[in-house]
PDB file of N, CA and C in Angstrom:
ATOM      1  N   MET A   1      13.104  23.459-137.335  1.00  0.00           N
ATOM      2  CA  MET A   1      13.571  24.379-138.308  1.00  0.00           C
ATOM      3  C   MET A   1      15.037  24.118-138.647  1.00  0.00           C
ATOM      4  N   SER A   2      15.913  24.047-137.639  1.00  0.00           N
ATOM      5  CA  SER A   2      17.329  23.811-137.857  1.00  0.00           C
ATOM      6  C   SER A   2      17.496  22.534-138.508  1.00  0.00           C
ATOM      7  N   ARG A   3      16.601  21.554-138.085  1.00  0.00           N
ATOM      8  CA  ARG A   3      16.718  20.183-138.656  1.00  0.00           C
ATOM      9  C   ARG A   3      16.627  20.184-140.296  1.00  0.00           C
ATOM     10  N   ILE A   4      15.625  21.029-140.688  1.00  0.00           N
ATOM     11  CA  ILE A   4      15.477  21.149-142.060  1.00  0.00           C
ATOM     12  C   ILE A   4      16.622  21.824-142.718  1.00  0.00           C
ATOM     13  N   VAL A   5      17.013  22.949-142.200  1.00  0.00           N
ATOM     14  CA  VAL A   5      18.152  23.719-142.819  1.00  0.00           C
ATOM     15  C   VAL A   5      19.485  22.779-142.822  1.00  0.00           C
ATOM     16  N   ARG A   6      19.633  22.126-141.603  1.00  0.00           N
ATOM     17  CA  ARG A   6      20.863  21.371-141.443  1.00  0.00           C
ATOM     18  C   ARG A   6      20.824  20.266-142.497  1.00  0.00           C
ATOM     19  N   ASN A   7      19.684  19.542-142.579  1.00  0.00           N
ATOM     20  CA  ASN A   7      19.550  18.486-143.608  1.00  0.00           C
ATOM     21  C   ASN A   7      19.723  18.882-145.057  1.00  0.00           C
ATOM     22  N   LEU A   8      19.197  20.046-145.347  1.00  0.00           N
ATOM     23  CA  LEU A   8      19.428  20.624-146.613  1.00  0.00           C
ATOM     24  C   LEU A   8      20.832  20.911-146.921  1.00  0.00           C
ATOM     25  N   ALA A   9      21.415  21.539-145.920  1.00  0.00           N
ATOM     26  CA  ALA A   9      22.896  21.955-146.057  1.00  0.00           C
ATOM     27  C   ALA A   9      23.728  20.677-146.153  1.00  0.00           C
ATOM     28  N   LEU A  10      23.476  19.726-145.366  1.00  0.00           N
ATOM     29  CA  LEU A  10      24.373  18.389-145.402  1.00  0.00           C
ATOM     30  C   LEU A  10      24.050  17.687-146.673  1.00  0.00           C
ATOM     31  N   LYS A  11      22.907  17.659-147.194  1.00  0.00           N
ATOM     32  CA  LYS A  11      22.729  16.979-148.554  1.00  0.00           C
ATOM     33  C   LYS A  11      23.504  17.714-149.683  1.00  0.00           C
ATOM     34  N   LYS A  12      23.471  19.055-149.596  1.00  0.00           N
ATOM     35  CA  LYS A  12      24.242  19.870-150.503  1.00  0.00           C
ATOM     36  C   LYS A  12      25.720  19.607-150.353  1.00  0.00           C
ATOM     37  N   TYR A  13      26.162  19.583-148.970  1.00  0.00           N
ATOM     38  CA  TYR A  13      27.483  19.338-148.726  1.00  0.00           C
ATOM     39  C   TYR A  13      28.014  17.917-149.268  1.00  0.00           C
ATOM     40  N   GLU A  14      27.091  16.826-149.034  1.00  0.00           N
ATOM     41  CA  GLU A  14      27.489  15.576-149.590  1.00  0.00           C
ATOM     42  C   GLU A  14      27.664  15.650-151.081  1.00  0.00           C
ATOM     43  N   TYR A  15      26.719  16.338-151.781  1.00  0.00           N
ATOM     44  CA  TYR A  15      26.803  16.492-153.201  1.00  0.00           C
ATOM     45  C   TYR A  15      28.172  17.044-153.594  1.00  0.00           C
ATOM     46  N   ILE A  16      28.487  18.192-152.876  1.00  0.00           N
ATOM     47  CA  ILE A  16      29.735  18.899-153.232  1.00  0.00           C
ATOM     48  C   ILE A  16      30.933  18.157-152.868  1.00  0.00           C
ATOM     49  N   SER A  17      30.947  17.599-151.801  1.00  0.00           N
ATOM     50  CA  SER A  17      32.210  16.759-151.319  1.00  0.00           C
ATOM     51  C   SER A  17      32.322  15.452-152.010  1.00  0.00           C
ATOM     52  N   ALA A  18      31.288  14.959-152.625  1.00  0.00           N
ATOM     53  CA  ALA A  18      31.395  13.671-153.255  1.00  0.00           C
ATOM     54  C   ALA A  18      32.458  13.743-154.450  1.00  0.00           C
ATOM     55  N   ALA A  19      32.435  14.800-155.071  1.00  0.00           N
ATOM     56  CA  ALA A  19      33.541  15.066-156.162  1.00  0.00           C
ATOM     57  C   ALA A  19      34.633  15.915-155.730  1.00  0.00           C
ATOM     58  N   LYS A  20      34.666  16.265-154.373  1.00  0.00           N
ATOM     59  CA  LYS A  20      35.571  17.116-153.822  1.00  0.00           C
ATOM     60  C   LYS A  20      35.537  18.519-154.453  1.00  0.00           C
ATOM     61  N   ARG A  21      34.446  19.010-154.713  1.00  0.00           N
ATOM     62  CA  ARG A  21      34.280  20.259-155.439  1.00  0.00           C
ATOM     63  C   ARG A  21      34.526  21.520-154.638  1.00  0.00           C
ATOM     64  N   ASN A  22      34.217  21.506-153.323  1.00  0.00           N
ATOM     65  CA  ASN A  22      34.322  22.787-152.581  1.00  0.00           C
ATOM     66  C   ASN A  22      34.451  22.454-151.108  1.00  0.00           C
ATOM     67  N   PRO A  23      35.667  22.378-150.643  1.00  0.00           N
ATOM     68  CA  PRO A  23      35.874  22.131-149.107  1.00  0.00           C
ATOM     69  C   PRO A  23      35.528  23.256-148.235  1.00  0.00           C
ATOM     70  N   ALA A  24      35.236  24.374-148.775  1.00  0.00           N
ATOM     71  CA  ALA A  24      34.749  25.589-147.932  1.00  0.00           C
ATOM     72  C   ALA A  24      33.335  25.430-147.308  1.00  0.00           C
ATOM     73  N   ALA A  25      32.749  24.336-147.760  1.00  0.00           N
ATOM     74  CA  ALA A  25      31.315  24.207-147.353  1.00  0.00           C
ATOM     75  C   ALA A  25      31.201  24.106-145.878  1.00  0.00           C
ATOM     76  N   VAL A  26      32.248  23.393-145.322  1.00  0.00           N
ATOM     77  CA  VAL A  26      32.166  23.094-143.877  1.00  0.00           C
ATOM     78  C   VAL A  26      32.260  24.514-143.060  1.00  0.00           C
ATOM     79  N   THR A  27      32.987  25.387-143.565  1.00  0.00           N
ATOM     80  CA  THR A  27      32.959  26.696-142.984  1.00  0.00           C
ATOM     81  C   THR A  27      31.780  27.482-143.003  1.00  0.00           C
ATOM     82  N   SER A  28      31.099  27.372-144.201  1.00  0.00           N
ATOM     83  CA  SER A  28      29.820  28.077-144.215  1.00  0.00           C
ATOM     84  C   SER A  28      28.819  27.451-143.357  1.00  0.00           C
ATOM     85  N   LEU A  29      28.810  26.200-143.281  1.00  0.00           N
ATOM     86  CA  LEU A  29      27.825  25.521-142.454  1.00  0.00           C
ATOM     87  C   LEU A  29      28.053  25.952-140.923  1.00  0.00           C
ATOM     88  N   GLU A  30      29.278  25.963-140.524  1.00  0.00           N
ATOM     89  CA  GLU A  30      29.571  26.295-139.212  1.00  0.00           C
ATOM     90  C   GLU A  30      29.185  27.711-138.857  1.00  0.00           C
ATOM     91  N   GLU A  31      29.380  28.701-139.796  1.00  0.00           N
ATOM     92  CA  GLU A  31      28.907  30.097-139.581  1.00  0.00           C
ATOM     93  C   GLU A  31      27.351  30.131-139.368  1.00  0.00           C
ATOM     94  N   LEU A  32      26.671  29.485-140.199  1.00  0.00           N
ATOM     95  CA  LEU A  32      25.223  29.533-140.142  1.00  0.00           C
ATOM     96  C   LEU A  32      24.669  28.719-138.940  1.00  0.00           C
ATOM     97  N   GLY A  33      25.453  27.773-138.371  1.00  0.00           N
ATOM     98  CA  GLY A  33      24.958  27.029-137.322  1.00  0.00           C
ATOM     99  C   GLY A  33      24.532  27.805-136.072  1.00  0.00           C
ATOM    100  N   ASP A  34      25.140  28.968-135.872  1.00  0.00           N
ATOM    101  CA  ASP A  34      24.746  29.811-134.701  1.00  0.00           C
ATOM    102  C   ASP A  34      23.283  30.316-134.672  1.00  0.00           C
ATOM    103  N   CYS A  35      22.772  30.529-135.943  1.00  0.00           N
ATOM    104  CA  CYS A  35      21.344  30.994-136.015  1.00  0.00           C
ATOM    105  C   CYS A  35      20.335  29.911-136.329  1.00  0.00           C
ATOM    106  N   VAL A  36      20.851  28.738-136.687  1.00  0.00           N
ATOM    107  CA  VAL A  36      19.932  27.656-136.901  1.00  0.00           C
ATOM    108  C   VAL A  36      20.384  26.292-136.302  1.00  0.00           C
ATOM    109  N   SER A  37      20.887  26.420-135.181  1.00  0.00           N
ATOM    110  CA  SER A  37      21.445  25.152-134.457  1.00  0.00           C
ATOM    111  C   SER A  37      20.276  24.268-134.214  1.00  0.00           C
ATOM    112  N   GLY A  38      20.667  22.973-133.869  1.00  0.00           N
ATOM    113  CA  GLY A  38      19.687  21.916-133.770  1.00  0.00           C
ATOM    114  C   GLY A  38      18.724  21.945-132.568  1.00  0.00           C
ATOM    115  N   THR A  39      17.558  21.500-132.814  1.00  0.00           N
ATOM    116  CA  THR A  39      16.650  21.275-131.771  1.00  0.00           C
ATOM    117  C   THR A  39      15.733  20.028-132.346  1.00  0.00           C
ATOM    118  N   ASP A  40      15.402  19.255-131.259  1.00  0.00           N
ATOM    119  CA  ASP A  40      14.680  17.990-131.696  1.00  0.00           C
ATOM    120  C   ASP A  40      13.072  18.289-131.498  1.00  0.00           C
ATOM    121  N   SER A  41      12.715  19.479-131.201  1.00  0.00           N
ATOM    122  CA  SER A  41      11.258  19.647-130.969  1.00  0.00           C
ATOM    123  C   SER A  41      10.277  19.679-132.229  1.00  0.00           C
ATOM    124  N   ILE A  42      11.075  19.767-133.362  1.00  0.00           N
ATOM    125  CA  ILE A  42      10.201  19.965-134.586  1.00  0.00           C
ATOM    126  C   ILE A  42       9.906  18.590-135.163  1.00  0.00           C
ATOM    127  N   GLY A  43       8.691  18.297-135.238  1.00  0.00           N
ATOM    128  CA  GLY A  43       8.334  16.881-135.660  1.00  0.00           C
ATOM    129  C   GLY A  43       7.395  16.827-136.791  1.00  0.00           C
ATOM    130  N   THR A  44       6.550  17.806-136.996  1.00  0.00           N
ATOM    131  CA  THR A  44       5.495  17.676-137.887  1.00  0.00           C
ATOM    132  C   THR A  44       5.802  18.318-139.276  1.00  0.00           C
ATOM    133  N   GLU A  45       5.247  17.938-140.343  1.00  0.00           N
ATOM    134  CA  GLU A  45       5.495  18.454-141.590  1.00  0.00           C
ATOM    135  C   GLU A  45       4.929  19.871-141.639  1.00  0.00           C
ATOM    136  N   MET A  46       3.882  20.229-140.963  1.00  0.00           N
ATOM    137  CA  MET A  46       3.328  21.543-140.907  1.00  0.00           C
ATOM    138  C   MET A  46       4.341  22.527-140.318  1.00  0.00           C
ATOM    139  N   GLU A  47       4.944  22.123-139.229  1.00  0.00           N
ATOM    140  CA  GLU A  47       5.916  22.913-138.677  1.00  0.00           C
ATOM    141  C   GLU A  47       7.166  23.201-139.526  1.00  0.00           C
ATOM    142  N   LYS A  48       7.587  22.214-140.286  1.00  0.00           N
ATOM    143  CA  LYS A  48       8.680  22.239-141.183  1.00  0.00           C
ATOM    144  C   LYS A  48       8.343  23.318-142.292  1.00  0.00           C
ATOM    145  N   ARG A  49       7.209  23.252-142.841  1.00  0.00           N
ATOM    146  CA  ARG A  49       6.752  24.045-143.846  1.00  0.00           C
ATOM    147  C   ARG A  49       6.733  25.554-143.329  1.00  0.00           C
ATOM    148  N   HIS A  50       6.246  25.690-142.113  1.00  0.00           N
ATOM    149  CA  HIS A  50       6.197  27.021-141.560  1.00  0.00           C
ATOM    150  C   HIS A  50       7.666  27.655-141.421  1.00  0.00           C
ATOM    151  N   ILE A  51       8.545  26.892-141.091  1.00  0.00           N
ATOM    152  CA  ILE A  51       9.995  27.297-140.976  1.00  0.00           C
ATOM    153  C   ILE A  51      10.497  27.613-142.305  1.00  0.00           C
ATOM    154  N   GLU A  52      10.195  26.766-143.321  1.00  0.00           N
ATOM    155  CA  GLU A  52      10.646  27.048-144.656  1.00  0.00           C
ATOM    156  C   GLU A  52      10.208  28.367-145.245  1.00  0.00           C
ATOM    157  N   LYS A  53       8.763  28.593-144.964  1.00  0.00           N
ATOM    158  CA  LYS A  53       8.218  29.860-145.476  1.00  0.00           C
ATOM    159  C   LYS A  53       8.782  31.072-144.634  1.00  0.00           C
ATOM    160  N   THR A  54       9.156  30.836-143.333  1.00  0.00           N
ATOM    161  CA  THR A  54       9.647  31.951-142.596  1.00  0.00           C
ATOM    162  C   THR A  54      10.973  32.352-143.113  1.00  0.00           C
ATOM    163  N   ILE A  55      11.810  31.365-143.443  1.00  0.00           N
ATOM    164  CA  ILE A  55      13.105  31.659-143.941  1.00  0.00           C
ATOM    165  C   ILE A  55      13.021  32.313-145.344  1.00  0.00           C
ATOM    166  N   ASP A  56      12.104  31.843-146.115  1.00  0.00           N
ATOM    167  CA  ASP A  56      11.896  32.351-147.455  1.00  0.00           C
ATOM    168  C   ASP A  56      11.453  33.789-147.297  1.00  0.00           C
ATOM    169  N   LYS A  57      10.501  34.116-146.493  1.00  0.00           N
ATOM    170  CA  LYS A  57      10.018  35.433-146.197  1.00  0.00           C
ATOM    171  C   LYS A  57      11.247  36.339-145.885  1.00  0.00           C
ATOM    172  N   PHE A  58      11.996  35.859-144.919  1.00  0.00           N
ATOM    173  CA  PHE A  58      13.241  36.613-144.397  1.00  0.00           C
ATOM    174  C   PHE A  58      14.106  36.947-145.652  1.00  0.00           C
ATOM    175  N   LEU A  59      14.414  35.990-146.409  1.00  0.00           N
ATOM    176  CA  LEU A  59      15.262  36.200-147.592  1.00  0.00           C
ATOM    177  C   LEU A  59      14.747  37.206-148.565  1.00  0.00           C
ATOM    178  N   TRP A  60      13.382  37.124-148.785  1.00  0.00           N
ATOM    179  CA  TRP A  60      12.777  38.114-149.800  1.00  0.00           C
ATOM    180  C   TRP A  60      12.705  39.487-149.206  1.00  0.00           C
ATOM    181  N   ARG A  61      12.777  39.674-147.952  1.00  0.00           N
ATOM    182  CA  ARG A  61      12.796  40.982-147.371  1.00  0.00           C
ATOM    183  C   ARG A  61      14.146  41.734-147.553  1.00  0.00           C
ATOM    184  N   LEU A  62      15.136  40.936-147.737  1.00  0.00           N
ATOM    185  CA  LEU A  62      16.452  41.583-147.871  1.00  0.00           C
ATOM    186  C   LEU A  62      16.572  42.247-149.277  1.00  0.00           C
ATOM    187  N   GLU A  63      17.399  43.212-149.371  1.00  0.00           N
ATOM    188  CA  GLU A  63      17.790  43.833-150.646  1.00  0.00           C
ATOM    189  C   GLU A  63      18.371  42.767-151.530  1.00  0.00           C
ATOM    190  N   GLU A  64      18.226  42.798-152.831  1.00  0.00           N
ATOM    191  CA  GLU A  64      18.647  41.840-153.680  1.00  0.00           C
ATOM    192  C   GLU A  64      20.159  41.426-153.622  1.00  0.00           C
ATOM    193  N   GLU A  65      21.069  42.492-153.386  1.00  0.00           N
ATOM    194  CA  GLU A  65      22.435  42.119-153.407  1.00  0.00           C
ATOM    195  C   GLU A  65      22.781  41.373-152.080  1.00  0.00           C
ATOM    196  N   LYS A  66      22.083  41.728-150.972  1.00  0.00           N
ATOM    197  CA  LYS A  66      22.317  41.060-149.736  1.00  0.00           C
ATOM    198  C   LYS A  66      21.815  39.573-149.745  1.00  0.00           C
ATOM    199  N   ARG A  67      20.556  39.344-150.389  1.00  0.00           N
ATOM    200  CA  ARG A  67      20.035  38.160-150.669  1.00  0.00           C
ATOM    201  C   ARG A  67      20.954  37.282-151.398  1.00  0.00           C
ATOM    202  N   ASN A  68      21.567  37.864-152.470  1.00  0.00           N
ATOM    203  CA  ASN A  68      22.468  37.112-153.332  1.00  0.00           C
ATOM    204  C   ASN A  68      23.721  36.655-152.636  1.00  0.00           C
ATOM    205  N   VAL A  69      24.182  37.535-151.787  1.00  0.00           N
ATOM    206  CA  VAL A  69      25.418  37.230-150.973  1.00  0.00           C
ATOM    207  C   VAL A  69      25.099  36.020-150.009  1.00  0.00           C
ATOM    208  N   PHE A  70      23.953  36.092-149.384  1.00  0.00           N
ATOM    209  CA  PHE A  70      23.611  35.114-148.325  1.00  0.00           C
ATOM    210  C   PHE A  70      23.487  33.793-149.042  1.00  0.00           C
ATOM    211  N   ILE A  71      22.742  33.815-150.259  1.00  0.00           N
ATOM    212  CA  ILE A  71      22.420  32.465-150.983  1.00  0.00           C
ATOM    213  C   ILE A  71      23.797  31.972-151.485  1.00  0.00           C
ATOM    214  N   ARG A  72      24.578  32.852-152.011  1.00  0.00           N
ATOM    215  CA  ARG A  72      25.926  32.332-152.647  1.00  0.00           C
ATOM    216  C   ARG A  72      26.761  31.703-151.430  1.00  0.00           C
ATOM    217  N   ARG A  73      26.670  32.172-150.230  1.00  0.00           N
ATOM    218  CA  ARG A  73      27.491  31.749-149.137  1.00  0.00           C
ATOM    219  C   ARG A  73      26.875  30.383-148.667  1.00  0.00           C
ATOM    220  N   TYR A  74      25.601  30.391-148.360  1.00  0.00           N
ATOM    221  CA  TYR A  74      24.991  29.293-147.578  1.00  0.00           C
ATOM    222  C   TYR A  74      24.247  28.324-148.434  1.00  0.00           C
ATOM    223  N   TRP A  75      24.017  28.487-149.717  1.00  0.00           N
ATOM    224  CA  TRP A  75      23.441  27.591-150.540  1.00  0.00           C
ATOM    225  C   TRP A  75      24.388  26.993-151.600  1.00  0.00           C
ATOM    226  N   TYR A  76      25.214  27.919-152.144  1.00  0.00           N
ATOM    227  CA  TYR A  76      26.259  27.358-153.101  1.00  0.00           C
ATOM    228  C   TYR A  76      27.659  27.233-152.394  1.00  0.00           C
ATOM    229  N   PHE A  77      27.749  27.602-151.250  1.00  0.00           N
ATOM    230  CA  PHE A  77      28.977  27.369-150.392  1.00  0.00           C
ATOM    231  C   PHE A  77      30.130  28.164-151.117  1.00  0.00           C
ATOM    232  N   ASP A  78      29.888  29.253-151.704  1.00  0.00           N
ATOM    233  CA  ASP A  78      30.964  30.075-152.270  1.00  0.00           C
ATOM    234  C   ASP A  78      31.821  30.680-151.161  1.00  0.00           C
ATOM    235  N   SER A  79      33.059  30.838-151.560  1.00  0.00           N
ATOM    236  CA  SER A  79      34.090  31.370-150.506  1.00  0.00           C
ATOM    237  C   SER A  79      33.856  32.914-150.535  1.00  0.00           C
ATOM    238  N   ILE A  80      34.353  33.540-149.423  1.00  0.00           N
ATOM    239  CA  ILE A  80      34.278  34.932-149.277  1.00  0.00           C
ATOM    240  C   ILE A  80      34.873  35.575-150.558  1.00  0.00           C
ATOM    241  N   GLU A  81      36.018  35.054-150.983  1.00  0.00           N
ATOM    242  CA  GLU A  81      36.812  35.583-152.153  1.00  0.00           C
ATOM    243  C   GLU A  81      35.927  35.487-153.372  1.00  0.00           C
ATOM    244  N   THR A  82      35.302  34.376-153.665  1.00  0.00           N
ATOM    245  CA  THR A  82      34.395  34.291-154.758  1.00  0.00           C
ATOM    246  C   THR A  82      33.199  35.224-154.770  1.00  0.00           C
ATOM    247  N   ILE A  83      32.616  35.406-153.581  1.00  0.00           N
ATOM    248  CA  ILE A  83      31.483  36.337-153.508  1.00  0.00           C
ATOM    249  C   ILE A  83      32.093  37.795-153.733  1.00  0.00           C
ATOM    250  N   CYS A  84      33.222  38.082-153.375  1.00  0.00           N
ATOM    251  CA  CYS A  84      33.827  39.424-153.580  1.00  0.00           C
ATOM    252  C   CYS A  84      33.952  39.649-155.054  1.00  0.00           C
ATOM    253  N   LYS A  85      34.509  38.648-155.737  1.00  0.00           N
ATOM    254  CA  LYS A  85      34.691  38.693-157.235  1.00  0.00           C
ATOM    255  C   LYS A  85      33.335  38.829-157.914  1.00  0.00           C
ATOM    256  N   TYR A  86      32.378  38.167-157.463  1.00  0.00           N
ATOM    257  CA  TYR A  86      31.044  38.256-158.089  1.00  0.00           C
ATOM    258  C   TYR A  86      30.317  39.559-157.875  1.00  0.00           C
ATOM    259  N   THR A  87      30.483  40.113-156.607  1.00  0.00           N
ATOM    260  CA  THR A  87      29.717  41.293-156.284  1.00  0.00           C
ATOM    261  C   THR A  87      30.572  42.604-156.462  1.00  0.00           C
ATOM    262  N   GLY A  88      31.867  42.468-156.308  1.00  0.00           N
ATOM    263  CA  GLY A  88      32.698  43.689-156.417  1.00  0.00           C
ATOM    264  C   GLY A  88      32.894  44.270-154.972  1.00  0.00           C
ATOM    265  N   PHE A  89      32.359  43.673-153.905  1.00  0.00           N
ATOM    266  CA  PHE A  89      32.559  44.135-152.570  1.00  0.00           C
ATOM    267  C   PHE A  89      33.891  43.673-151.971  1.00  0.00           C
ATOM    268  N   SER A  90      34.340  44.333-150.959  1.00  0.00           N
ATOM    269  CA  SER A  90      35.567  43.977-150.358  1.00  0.00           C
ATOM    270  C   SER A  90      35.239  42.839-149.387  1.00  0.00           C
ATOM    271  N   GLN A  91      36.390  42.174-148.908  1.00  0.00           N
ATOM    272  CA  GLN A  91      36.106  41.058-148.056  1.00  0.00           C
ATOM    273  C   GLN A  91      35.444  41.447-146.708  1.00  0.00           C
ATOM    274  N   SER A  92      35.896  42.612-146.248  1.00  0.00           N
ATOM    275  CA  SER A  92      35.453  43.073-144.872  1.00  0.00           C
ATOM    276  C   SER A  92      33.883  43.412-145.116  1.00  0.00           C
ATOM    277  N   LYS A  93      33.462  43.900-146.248  1.00  0.00           N
ATOM    278  CA  LYS A  93      32.045  44.270-146.377  1.00  0.00           C
ATOM    279  C   LYS A  93      31.248  42.949-146.443  1.00  0.00           C
ATOM    280  N   VAL A  94      31.798  42.037-147.131  1.00  0.00           N
ATOM    281  CA  VAL A  94      30.924  40.745-147.350  1.00  0.00           C
ATOM    282  C   VAL A  94      30.876  40.013-146.019  1.00  0.00           C
ATOM    283  N   LYS A  95      31.965  39.950-145.207  1.00  0.00           N
ATOM    284  CA  LYS A  95      31.885  39.321-143.861  1.00  0.00           C
ATOM    285  C   LYS A  95      30.926  40.102-142.949  1.00  0.00           C
ATOM    286  N   SER A  96      30.965  41.419-143.006  1.00  0.00           N
ATOM    287  CA  SER A  96      30.146  42.256-142.302  1.00  0.00           C
ATOM    288  C   SER A  96      28.673  41.931-142.600  1.00  0.00           C
ATOM    289  N   MET A  97      28.311  41.916-143.894  1.00  0.00           N
ATOM    290  CA  MET A  97      26.977  41.704-144.421  1.00  0.00           C
ATOM    291  C   MET A  97      26.459  40.269-143.883  1.00  0.00           C
ATOM    292  N   LEU A  98      27.342  39.321-144.096  1.00  0.00           N
ATOM    293  CA  LEU A  98      26.876  37.909-143.679  1.00  0.00           C
ATOM    294  C   LEU A  98      26.704  37.818-142.097  1.00  0.00           C
ATOM    295  N   TYR A  99      27.534  38.521-141.336  1.00  0.00           N
ATOM    296  CA  TYR A  99      27.406  38.526-139.931  1.00  0.00           C
ATOM    297  C   TYR A  99      25.999  39.186-139.544  1.00  0.00           C
ATOM    298  N   GLU A 100      25.721  40.361-140.154  1.00  0.00           N
ATOM    299  CA  GLU A 100      24.420  41.061-139.902  1.00  0.00           C
ATOM    300  C   GLU A 100      23.216  40.220-140.367  1.00  0.00           C
ATOM    301  N   MET A 101      23.287  39.537-141.450  1.00  0.00           N
ATOM    302  CA  MET A 101      22.221  38.791-141.934  1.00  0.00           C
ATOM    303  C   MET A 101      21.967  37.536-141.022  1.00  0.00           C
ATOM    304  N   ARG A 102      23.030  36.944-140.539  1.00  0.00           N
ATOM    305  CA  ARG A 102      22.859  35.780-139.545  1.00  0.00           C
ATOM    306  C   ARG A 102      22.210  36.284-138.338  1.00  0.00           C
ATOM    307  N   ARG A 103      22.635  37.442-137.844  1.00  0.00           N
ATOM    308  CA  ARG A 103      22.028  37.947-136.616  1.00  0.00           C
ATOM    309  C   ARG A 103      20.611  38.306-136.842  1.00  0.00           C
ATOM    310  N   LYS A 104      20.329  38.889-137.860  1.00  0.00           N
ATOM    311  CA  LYS A 104      18.909  39.256-138.285  1.00  0.00           C
ATOM    312  C   LYS A 104      18.035  38.067-138.590  1.00  0.00           C
ATOM    313  N   LEU A 105      18.489  37.022-139.120  1.00  0.00           N
ATOM    314  CA  LEU A 105      17.849  35.832-139.334  1.00  0.00           C
ATOM    315  C   LEU A 105      17.487  35.131-138.073  1.00  0.00           C
ATOM    316  N   LYS A 106      18.455  35.142-137.144  1.00  0.00           N
ATOM    317  CA  LYS A 106      18.157  34.476-135.841  1.00  0.00           C
ATOM    318  C   LYS A 106      17.092  35.218-135.069  1.00  0.00           C
ATOM    319  N   LYS A 107      17.109  36.593-135.065  1.00  0.00           N
ATOM    320  CA  LYS A 107      16.181  37.441-134.495  1.00  0.00           C
ATOM    321  C   LYS A 107      14.735  37.343-135.081  1.00  0.00           C
ATOM    322  N   TYR A 108      14.762  37.271-136.377  1.00  0.00           N
ATOM    323  CA  TYR A 108      13.500  37.071-137.155  1.00  0.00           C
ATOM    324  C   TYR A 108      12.834  35.747-136.749  1.00  0.00           C
ATOM    325  N   LEU A 109      13.644  34.585-136.845  1.00  0.00           N
ATOM    326  CA  LEU A 109      13.136  33.400-136.531  1.00  0.00           C
ATOM    327  C   LEU A 109      12.530  33.315-135.080  1.00  0.00           C
ATOM    328  N   GLU A 110      13.232  33.983-134.136  1.00  0.00           N
ATOM    329  CA  GLU A 110      12.814  33.964-132.842  1.00  0.00           C
ATOM    330  C   GLU A 110      11.437  34.797-132.631  1.00  0.00           C
ATOM    331  N   SER A 111      11.388  35.871-133.480  1.00  0.00           N
ATOM    332  CA  SER A 111      10.111  36.727-133.434  1.00  0.00           C
ATOM    333  C   SER A 111       9.009  35.993-134.051  1.00  0.00           C
ATOM    334  N   GLU A 112       9.314  35.011-134.886  1.00  0.00           N
ATOM    335  CA  GLU A 112       8.142  34.147-135.498  1.00  0.00           C
ATOM    336  C   GLU A 112       7.822  33.028-134.647  1.00  0.00           C
ATOM    337  N   GLY A 113       8.483  32.927-133.368  1.00  0.00           N
ATOM    338  CA  GLY A 113       8.204  31.804-132.550  1.00  0.00           C
ATOM    339  C   GLY A 113       8.936  30.513-132.843  1.00  0.00           C
ATOM    340  N   ILE A 114       9.989  30.617-133.531  1.00  0.00           N
ATOM    341  CA  ILE A 114      10.808  29.405-133.848  1.00  0.00           C
ATOM    342  C   ILE A 114      11.943  29.438-132.946  1.00  0.00           C
ATOM    343  N   LYS A 115      12.091  28.356-132.110  1.00  0.00           N
ATOM    344  CA  LYS A 115      13.195  28.220-131.263  1.00  0.00           C
ATOM    345  C   LYS A 115      14.582  27.924-132.128  1.00  0.00           C
ATOM    346  N   VAL A 116      15.622  28.723-131.688  1.00  0.00           N
ATOM    347  CA  VAL A 116      16.855  28.612-132.395  1.00  0.00           C
ATOM    348  C   VAL A 116      17.817  28.019-131.494  1.00  0.00           C
TER     349      VAL A 116
END
């Protein structure tokens, strides 16, 4: 699971850093690393798809504004400040939302039998 997320994130990071578009990506990846850190036990395509679907289910269970904050931070590598401008939330609210969503994602993945 983490291998998938990490590879997707690293591919996105390579794309972003190739033209030096957004150096904040490293920070975003480090934050997310706590709930999707590496494990070498995932080997089959079926397991990978299960993990992808599980993360997708988790994201769709979130309220739209929370889902948007999560995706802006960990897919688009937006800074906290950029997310605040986009959403109108304070920095402390965005940081708190991201922390809670990472914690809930980790718990959800573990409840689905995915080692984190």
